[in-house]
Amino acid sequence: MKKSQALTTMKLTLKPEHQKLIEAQLNTGRYANPDEIIAEALQLLSKCDRYQQWAIEFDPPKSSLKKGIFLKRRRN
């Protein structure tokens, strides 16, 4: 871990395919332990979520379509 952070323990049960992915990443030598892999995966998930929110806000017609607003306006 890069910064001094309080640690908590969480018990997880992984599907076999997820365990294999973690083991494969460990075998590359890029990560020292599963915690580093999970931390990076969560950071990427957070970035993806922020990007999706940005895309909705940046493209109003698309966000309107998702909300059903654009179609209602077109019919009027």
PDB file of N, CA and C in Angstrom:
ATOM      1  N   MET A   1       0.836  -1.173   0.000  1.00  0.00           N
ATOM      2  CA  MET A   1       0.000   0.000   0.000  1.00  0.00           C
ATOM      3  C   MET A   1       0.880   1.235   0.000  1.00  0.00           C
ATOM      4  N   LYS A   2       0.442   2.252  -0.710  1.00  0.00           N
ATOM      5  CA  LYS A   2       1.259   3.433  -0.876  1.00  0.00           C
ATOM      6  C   LYS A   2       1.168   4.380   0.310  1.00  0.00           C
ATOM      7  N   LYS A   3      -0.013   4.568   0.851  1.00  0.00           N
ATOM      8  CA  LYS A   3      -0.218   5.484   1.962  1.00  0.00           C
ATOM      9  C   LYS A   3      -0.532   4.689   3.219  1.00  0.00           C
ATOM     10  N   SER A   4      -0.271   5.305   4.350  1.00  0.00           N
ATOM     11  CA  SER A   4      -0.636   4.673   5.609  1.00  0.00           C
ATOM     12  C   SER A   4      -2.148   4.764   5.761  1.00  0.00           C
ATOM     13  N   GLN A   5      -2.800   3.621   5.772  1.00  0.00           N
ATOM     14  CA  GLN A   5      -4.253   3.579   5.846  1.00  0.00           C
ATOM     15  C   GLN A   5      -4.674   2.551   6.879  1.00  0.00           C
ATOM     16  N   ALA A   6      -5.805   2.812   7.497  1.00  0.00           N
ATOM     17  CA  ALA A   6      -6.358   1.824   8.418  1.00  0.00           C
ATOM     18  C   ALA A   6      -6.836   0.632   7.599  1.00  0.00           C
ATOM     19  N   LEU A   7      -6.566  -0.540   8.080  1.00  0.00           N
ATOM     20  CA  LEU A   7      -6.959  -1.753   7.376  1.00  0.00           C
ATOM     21  C   LEU A   7      -8.131  -2.407   8.081  1.00  0.00           C
ATOM     22  N   THR A   8      -9.009  -2.976   7.290  1.00  0.00           N
ATOM     23  CA  THR A   8     -10.101  -3.767   7.831  1.00  0.00           C
ATOM     24  C   THR A   8     -10.063  -5.122   7.151  1.00  0.00           C
ATOM     25  N   THR A   9     -10.706  -6.072   7.745  1.00  0.00           N
ATOM     26  CA  THR A   9     -10.738  -7.419   7.191  1.00  0.00           C
ATOM     27  C   THR A   9     -12.126  -7.702   6.647  1.00  0.00           C
ATOM     28  N   MET A  10     -12.147  -8.307   5.463  1.00  0.00           N
ATOM     29  CA  MET A  10     -13.407  -8.702   4.842  1.00  0.00           C
ATOM     30  C   MET A  10     -13.200 -10.084   4.247  1.00  0.00           C
ATOM     31  N   LYS A  11     -14.080 -10.983   4.577  1.00  0.00           N
ATOM     32  CA  LYS A  11     -13.992 -12.334   4.036  1.00  0.00           C
ATOM     33  C   LYS A  11     -14.740 -12.366   2.709  1.00  0.00           C
ATOM     34  N   LEU A  12     -14.083 -12.856   1.670  1.00  0.00           N
ATOM     35  CA  LEU A  12     -14.680 -12.958   0.341  1.00  0.00           C
ATOM     36  C   LEU A  12     -14.649 -14.393  -0.141  1.00  0.00           C
ATOM     37  N   THR A  13     -15.656 -14.760  -0.880  1.00  0.00           N
ATOM     38  CA  THR A  13     -15.674 -16.047  -1.560  1.00  0.00           C
ATOM     39  C   THR A  13     -15.615 -15.757  -3.049  1.00  0.00           C
ATOM     40  N   LEU A  14     -14.594 -16.284  -3.708  1.00  0.00           N
ATOM     41  CA  LEU A  14     -14.397 -16.025  -5.131  1.00  0.00           C
ATOM     42  C   LEU A  14     -14.872 -17.192  -5.975  1.00  0.00           C
ATOM     43  N   LYS A  15     -15.383 -16.863  -7.137  1.00  0.00           N
ATOM     44  CA  LYS A  15     -15.674 -17.899  -8.124  1.00  0.00           C
ATOM     45  C   LYS A  15     -14.333 -18.425  -8.618  1.00  0.00           C
ATOM     46  N   PRO A  16     -14.271 -19.683  -9.035  1.00  0.00           N
ATOM     47  CA  PRO A  16     -12.993 -20.252  -9.490  1.00  0.00           C
ATOM     48  C   PRO A  16     -12.328 -19.430 -10.597  1.00  0.00           C
ATOM     49  N   GLU A  17     -13.123 -18.888 -11.527  1.00  0.00           N
ATOM     50  CA  GLU A  17     -12.524 -18.111 -12.616  1.00  0.00           C
ATOM     51  C   GLU A  17     -11.907 -16.805 -12.113  1.00  0.00           C
ATOM     52  N   HIS A  18     -12.472 -16.224 -11.055  1.00  0.00           N
ATOM     53  CA  HIS A  18     -11.894 -15.009 -10.486  1.00  0.00           C
ATOM     54  C   HIS A  18     -10.607 -15.329  -9.725  1.00  0.00           C
ATOM     55  N   GLN A  19     -10.600 -16.454  -9.048  1.00  0.00           N
ATOM     56  CA  GLN A  19      -9.387 -16.874  -8.351  1.00  0.00           C
ATOM     57  C   GLN A  19      -8.262 -17.115  -9.357  1.00  0.00           C
ATOM     58  N   LYS A  20      -8.594 -17.736 -10.484  1.00  0.00           N
ATOM     59  CA  LYS A  20      -7.584 -17.982 -11.516  1.00  0.00           C
ATOM     60  C   LYS A  20      -7.039 -16.678 -12.080  1.00  0.00           C
ATOM     61  N   LEU A  21      -7.907 -15.684 -12.260  1.00  0.00           N
ATOM     62  CA  LEU A  21      -7.450 -14.376 -12.745  1.00  0.00           C
ATOM     63  C   LEU A  21      -6.478 -13.735 -11.760  1.00  0.00           C
ATOM     64  N   ILE A  22      -6.805 -13.809 -10.485  1.00  0.00           N
ATOM     65  CA  ILE A  22      -5.923 -13.240  -9.465  1.00  0.00           C
ATOM     66  C   ILE A  22      -4.594 -13.985  -9.443  1.00  0.00           C
ATOM     67  N   GLU A  23      -4.641 -15.297  -9.486  1.00  0.00           N
ATOM     68  CA  GLU A  23      -3.408 -16.085  -9.486  1.00  0.00           C
ATOM     69  C   GLU A  23      -2.563 -15.781 -10.719  1.00  0.00           C
ATOM     70  N   ALA A  24      -3.202 -15.620 -11.866  1.00  0.00           N
ATOM     71  CA  ALA A  24      -2.462 -15.301 -13.093  1.00  0.00           C
ATOM     72  C   ALA A  24      -1.777 -13.944 -12.964  1.00  0.00           C
ATOM     73  N   GLN A  25      -2.455 -12.977 -12.367  1.00  0.00           N
ATOM     74  CA  GLN A  25      -1.844 -11.660 -12.180  1.00  0.00           C
ATOM     75  C   GLN A  25      -0.686 -11.729 -11.184  1.00  0.00           C
ATOM     76  N   LEU A  26      -0.847 -12.513 -10.132  1.00  0.00           N
ATOM     77  CA  LEU A  26       0.253 -12.686  -9.176  1.00  0.00           C
ATOM     78  C   LEU A  26       1.467 -13.310  -9.854  1.00  0.00           C
ATOM     79  N   ASN A  27       1.221 -14.262 -10.744  1.00  0.00           N
ATOM     80  CA  ASN A  27       2.317 -14.948 -11.430  1.00  0.00           C
ATOM     81  C   ASN A  27       3.093 -14.044 -12.375  1.00  0.00           C
ATOM     82  N   THR A  28       2.506 -12.914 -12.776  1.00  0.00           N
ATOM     83  CA  THR A  28       3.236 -11.982 -13.645  1.00  0.00           C
ATOM     84  C   THR A  28       4.322 -11.247 -12.872  1.00  0.00           C
ATOM     85  N   GLY A  29       4.197 -11.212 -11.554  1.00  0.00           N
ATOM     86  CA  GLY A  29       5.158 -10.488 -10.733  1.00  0.00           C
ATOM     87  C   GLY A  29       4.836  -9.007 -10.602  1.00  0.00           C
ATOM     88  N   ARG A  30       3.790  -8.562 -11.252  1.00  0.00           N
ATOM     89  CA  ARG A  30       3.414  -7.145 -11.199  1.00  0.00           C
ATOM     90  C   ARG A  30       2.835  -6.775  -9.833  1.00  0.00           C
ATOM     91  N   TYR A  31       2.223  -7.730  -9.179  1.00  0.00           N
ATOM     92  CA  TYR A  31       1.580  -7.486  -7.890  1.00  0.00           C
ATOM     93  C   TYR A  31       2.220  -8.366  -6.828  1.00  0.00           C
ATOM     94  N   ALA A  32       2.347  -7.816  -5.625  1.00  0.00           N
ATOM     95  CA  ALA A  32       2.960  -8.556  -4.524  1.00  0.00           C
ATOM     96  C   ALA A  32       1.960  -9.457  -3.810  1.00  0.00           C
ATOM     97  N   ASN A  33       0.682  -9.087  -3.872  1.00  0.00           N
ATOM     98  CA  ASN A  33      -0.333  -9.860  -3.160  1.00  0.00           C
ATOM     99  C   ASN A  33      -1.716  -9.573  -3.754  1.00  0.00           C
ATOM    100  N   PRO A  34      -2.702 -10.391  -3.398  1.00  0.00           N
ATOM    101  CA  PRO A  34      -4.058 -10.186  -3.933  1.00  0.00           C
ATOM    102  C   PRO A  34      -4.652  -8.820  -3.582  1.00  0.00           C
ATOM    103  N   ASP A  35      -4.271  -8.261  -2.435  1.00  0.00           N
ATOM    104  CA  ASP A  35      -4.797  -6.949  -2.047  1.00  0.00           C
ATOM    105  C   ASP A  35      -4.475  -5.887  -3.095  1.00  0.00           C
ATOM    106  N   GLU A  36      -3.272  -5.929  -3.641  1.00  0.00           N
ATOM    107  CA  GLU A  36      -2.883  -4.953  -4.662  1.00  0.00           C
ATOM    108  C   GLU A  36      -3.736  -5.102  -5.919  1.00  0.00           C
ATOM    109  N   ILE A  37      -4.058  -6.323  -6.272  1.00  0.00           N
ATOM    110  CA  ILE A  37      -4.884  -6.586  -7.456  1.00  0.00           C
ATOM    111  C   ILE A  37      -6.297  -6.062  -7.234  1.00  0.00           C
ATOM    112  N   ILE A  38      -6.864  -6.366  -6.083  1.00  0.00           N
ATOM    113  CA  ILE A  38      -8.220  -5.911  -5.772  1.00  0.00           C
ATOM    114  C   ILE A  38      -8.259  -4.388  -5.716  1.00  0.00           C
ATOM    115  N   ALA A  39      -7.247  -3.767  -5.115  1.00  0.00           N
ATOM    116  CA  ALA A  39      -7.207  -2.302  -5.026  1.00  0.00           C
ATOM    117  C   ALA A  39      -7.196  -1.678  -6.415  1.00  0.00           C
ATOM    118  N   GLU A  40      -6.378  -2.206  -7.314  1.00  0.00           N
ATOM    119  CA  GLU A  40      -6.328  -1.655  -8.667  1.00  0.00           C
ATOM    120  C   GLU A  40      -7.640  -1.897  -9.406  1.00  0.00           C
ATOM    121  N   ALA A  41      -8.224  -3.069  -9.226  1.00  0.00           N
ATOM    122  CA  ALA A  41      -9.508  -3.363  -9.874  1.00  0.00           C
ATOM    123  C   ALA A  41     -10.587  -2.399  -9.392  1.00  0.00           C
ATOM    124  N   LEU A  42     -10.606  -2.097  -8.108  1.00  0.00           N
ATOM    125  CA  LEU A  42     -11.599  -1.167  -7.571  1.00  0.00           C
ATOM    126  C   LEU A  42     -11.358   0.256  -8.067  1.00  0.00           C
ATOM    127  N   GLN A  43     -10.088   0.640  -8.206  1.00  0.00           N
ATOM    128  CA  GLN A  43      -9.778   1.961  -8.763  1.00  0.00           C
ATOM    129  C   GLN A  43     -10.273   2.065 -10.200  1.00  0.00           C
ATOM    130  N   LEU A  44     -10.067   1.012 -10.978  1.00  0.00           N
ATOM    131  CA  LEU A  44     -10.539   1.015 -12.366  1.00  0.00           C
ATOM    132  C   LEU A  44     -12.061   1.052 -12.434  1.00  0.00           C
ATOM    133  N   LEU A  45     -12.721   0.338 -11.548  1.00  0.00           N
ATOM    134  CA  LEU A  45     -14.182   0.364 -11.496  1.00  0.00           C
ATOM    135  C   LEU A  45     -14.679   1.772 -11.180  1.00  0.00           C
ATOM    136  N   SER A  46     -14.021   2.426 -10.240  1.00  0.00           N
ATOM    137  CA  SER A  46     -14.392   3.789  -9.880  1.00  0.00           C
ATOM    138  C   SER A  46     -14.193   4.738 -11.061  1.00  0.00           C
ATOM    139  N   LYS A  47     -13.083   4.595 -11.780  1.00  0.00           N
ATOM    140  CA  LYS A  47     -12.834   5.426 -12.965  1.00  0.00           C
ATOM    141  C   LYS A  47     -13.891   5.184 -14.028  1.00  0.00           C
ATOM    142  N   CYS A  48     -14.262   3.942 -14.223  1.00  0.00           N
ATOM    143  CA  CYS A  48     -15.290   3.592 -15.206  1.00  0.00           C
ATOM    144  C   CYS A  48     -16.624   4.229 -14.826  1.00  0.00           C
ATOM    145  N   ASP A  49     -16.983   4.150 -13.558  1.00  0.00           N
ATOM    146  CA  ASP A  49     -18.228   4.762 -13.086  1.00  0.00           C
ATOM    147  C   ASP A  49     -18.214   6.270 -13.309  1.00  0.00           C
ATOM    148  N   ARG A  50     -17.078   6.925 -12.993  1.00  0.00           N
ATOM    149  CA  ARG A  50     -16.973   8.374 -13.196  1.00  0.00           C
ATOM    150  C   ARG A  50     -17.065   8.722 -14.675  1.00  0.00           C
ATOM    151  N   TYR A  51     -16.446   7.918 -15.529  1.00  0.00           N
ATOM    152  CA  TYR A  51     -16.510   8.161 -16.967  1.00  0.00           C
ATOM    153  C   TYR A  51     -17.946   8.024 -17.468  1.00  0.00           C
ATOM    154  N   GLN A  52     -18.635   6.996 -17.039  1.00  0.00           N
ATOM    155  CA  GLN A  52     -20.019   6.810 -17.479  1.00  0.00           C
ATOM    156  C   GLN A  52     -20.894   7.976 -17.040  1.00  0.00           C
ATOM    157  N   GLN A  53     -20.700   8.464 -15.832  1.00  0.00           N
ATOM    158  CA  GLN A  53     -21.465   9.618 -15.357  1.00  0.00           C
ATOM    159  C   GLN A  53     -21.109  10.851 -16.175  1.00  0.00           C
ATOM    160  N   TRP A  54     -19.827  11.039 -16.463  1.00  0.00           N
ATOM    161  CA  TRP A  54     -19.397  12.169 -17.283  1.00  0.00           C
ATOM    162  C   TRP A  54     -20.027  12.084 -18.666  1.00  0.00           C
ATOM    163  N   ALA A  55     -20.049  10.905 -19.273  1.00  0.00           N
ATOM    164  CA  ALA A  55     -20.606  10.739 -20.613  1.00  0.00           C
ATOM    165  C   ALA A  55     -22.087  11.107 -20.637  1.00  0.00           C
ATOM    166  N   ILE A  56     -22.811  10.756 -19.606  1.00  0.00           N
ATOM    167  CA  ILE A  56     -24.232  11.105 -19.528  1.00  0.00           C
ATOM    168  C   ILE A  56     -24.398  12.618 -19.411  1.00  0.00           C
ATOM    169  N   GLU A  57     -23.596  13.235 -18.559  1.00  0.00           N
ATOM    170  CA  GLU A  57     -23.708  14.678 -18.354  1.00  0.00           C
ATOM    171  C   GLU A  57     -23.193  15.466 -19.549  1.00  0.00           C
ATOM    172  N   PHE A  58     -22.184  14.969 -20.227  1.00  0.00           N
ATOM    173  CA  PHE A  58     -21.567  15.671 -21.353  1.00  0.00           C
ATOM    174  C   PHE A  58     -22.433  15.622 -22.595  1.00  0.00           C
ATOM    175  N   ASP A  59     -23.200  14.576 -22.787  1.00  0.00           N
ATOM    176  CA  ASP A  59     -24.011  14.378 -23.986  1.00  0.00           C
ATOM    177  C   ASP A  59     -25.489  14.422 -23.601  1.00  0.00           C
ATOM    178  N   PRO A  60     -26.063  15.621 -23.489  1.00  0.00           N
ATOM    179  CA  PRO A  60     -27.455  15.728 -23.033  1.00  0.00           C
ATOM    180  C   PRO A  60     -28.462  14.899 -23.822  1.00  0.00           C
ATOM    181  N   PRO A  61     -28.403  14.845 -25.165  1.00  0.00           N
ATOM    182  CA  PRO A  61     -29.393  14.005 -25.847  1.00  0.00           C
ATOM    183  C   PRO A  61     -29.327  12.539 -25.411  1.00  0.00           C
ATOM    184  N   LYS A  62     -28.112  12.039 -25.215  1.00  0.00           N
ATOM    185  CA  LYS A  62     -27.971  10.648 -24.782  1.00  0.00           C
ATOM    186  C   LYS A  62     -28.521  10.474 -23.368  1.00  0.00           C
ATOM    187  N   SER A  63     -28.221  11.425 -22.495  1.00  0.00           N
ATOM    188  CA  SER A  63     -28.738  11.310 -21.131  1.00  0.00           C
ATOM    189  C   SER A  63     -30.252  11.452 -21.134  1.00  0.00           C
ATOM    190  N   SER A  64     -30.775  12.287 -22.014  1.00  0.00           N
ATOM    191  CA  SER A  64     -32.225  12.434 -22.117  1.00  0.00           C
ATOM    192  C   SER A  64     -32.862  11.144 -22.605  1.00  0.00           C
ATOM    193  N   LEU A  65     -32.209  10.484 -23.559  1.00  0.00           N
ATOM    194  CA  LEU A  65     -32.732   9.208 -24.047  1.00  0.00           C
ATOM    195  C   LEU A  65     -32.801   8.189 -22.925  1.00  0.00           C
ATOM    196  N   LYS A  66     -31.748   8.159 -22.116  1.00  0.00           N
ATOM    197  CA  LYS A  66     -31.735   7.200 -21.011  1.00  0.00           C
ATOM    198  C   LYS A  66     -32.871   7.486 -20.039  1.00  0.00           C
ATOM    199  N   LYS A  67     -33.223   8.753 -19.918  1.00  0.00           N
ATOM    200  CA  LYS A  67     -34.290   9.121 -18.992  1.00  0.00           C
ATOM    201  C   LYS A  67     -35.650   9.128 -19.679  1.00  0.00           C
ATOM    202  N   GLY A  68     -35.692   8.942 -20.987  1.00  0.00           N
ATOM    203  CA  GLY A  68     -36.948   8.932 -21.713  1.00  0.00           C
ATOM    204  C   GLY A  68     -37.479  10.318 -22.040  1.00  0.00           C
ATOM    205  N   ILE A  69     -36.698  11.361 -21.767  1.00  0.00           N
ATOM    206  CA  ILE A  69     -37.150  12.735 -21.970  1.00  0.00           C
ATOM    207  C   ILE A  69     -37.132  13.111 -23.450  1.00  0.00           C
ATOM    208  N   PHE A  70     -36.088  12.746 -24.139  1.00  0.00           N
ATOM    209  CA  PHE A  70     -35.914  13.150 -25.534  1.00  0.00           C
ATOM    210  C   PHE A  70     -37.061  12.645 -26.394  1.00  0.00           C
ATOM    211  N   LEU A  71     -37.466  11.415 -26.206  1.00  0.00           N
ATOM    212  CA  LEU A  71     -38.545  10.855 -27.014  1.00  0.00           C
ATOM    213  C   LEU A  71     -39.856  11.587 -26.766  1.00  0.00           C
ATOM    214  N   LYS A  72     -40.123  11.954 -25.544  1.00  0.00           N
ATOM    215  CA  LYS A  72     -41.342  12.689 -25.230  1.00  0.00           C
ATOM    216  C   LYS A  72     -41.331  14.048 -25.916  1.00  0.00           C
ATOM    217  N   ARG A  73     -40.198  14.721 -25.920  1.00  0.00           N
ATOM    218  CA  ARG A  73     -40.090  16.036 -26.547  1.00  0.00           C
ATOM    219  C   ARG A  73     -40.256  15.940 -28.052  1.00  0.00           C
ATOM    220  N   ARG A  74     -39.725  14.907 -28.670  1.00  0.00           N
ATOM    221  CA  ARG A  74     -39.814  14.746 -30.118  1.00  0.00           C
ATOM    222  C   ARG A  74     -41.256  14.540 -30.563  1.00  0.00           C
ATOM    223  N   ARG A  75     -42.043  13.895 -29.760  1.00  0.00           N
ATOM    224  CA  ARG A  75     -43.437  13.613 -30.115  1.00  0.00           C
ATOM    225  C   ARG A  75     -44.300  14.865 -30.031  1.00  0.00           C
ATOM    226  N   ASN A  76     -43.914  15.820 -29.228  1.00  0.00           N
ATOM    227  CA  ASN A  76     -44.722  17.043 -29.034  1.00  0.00           C
ATOM    228  C   ASN A  76     -44.541  18.032 -30.138  1.00  0.00           C
TER     229      ASN A  76
END
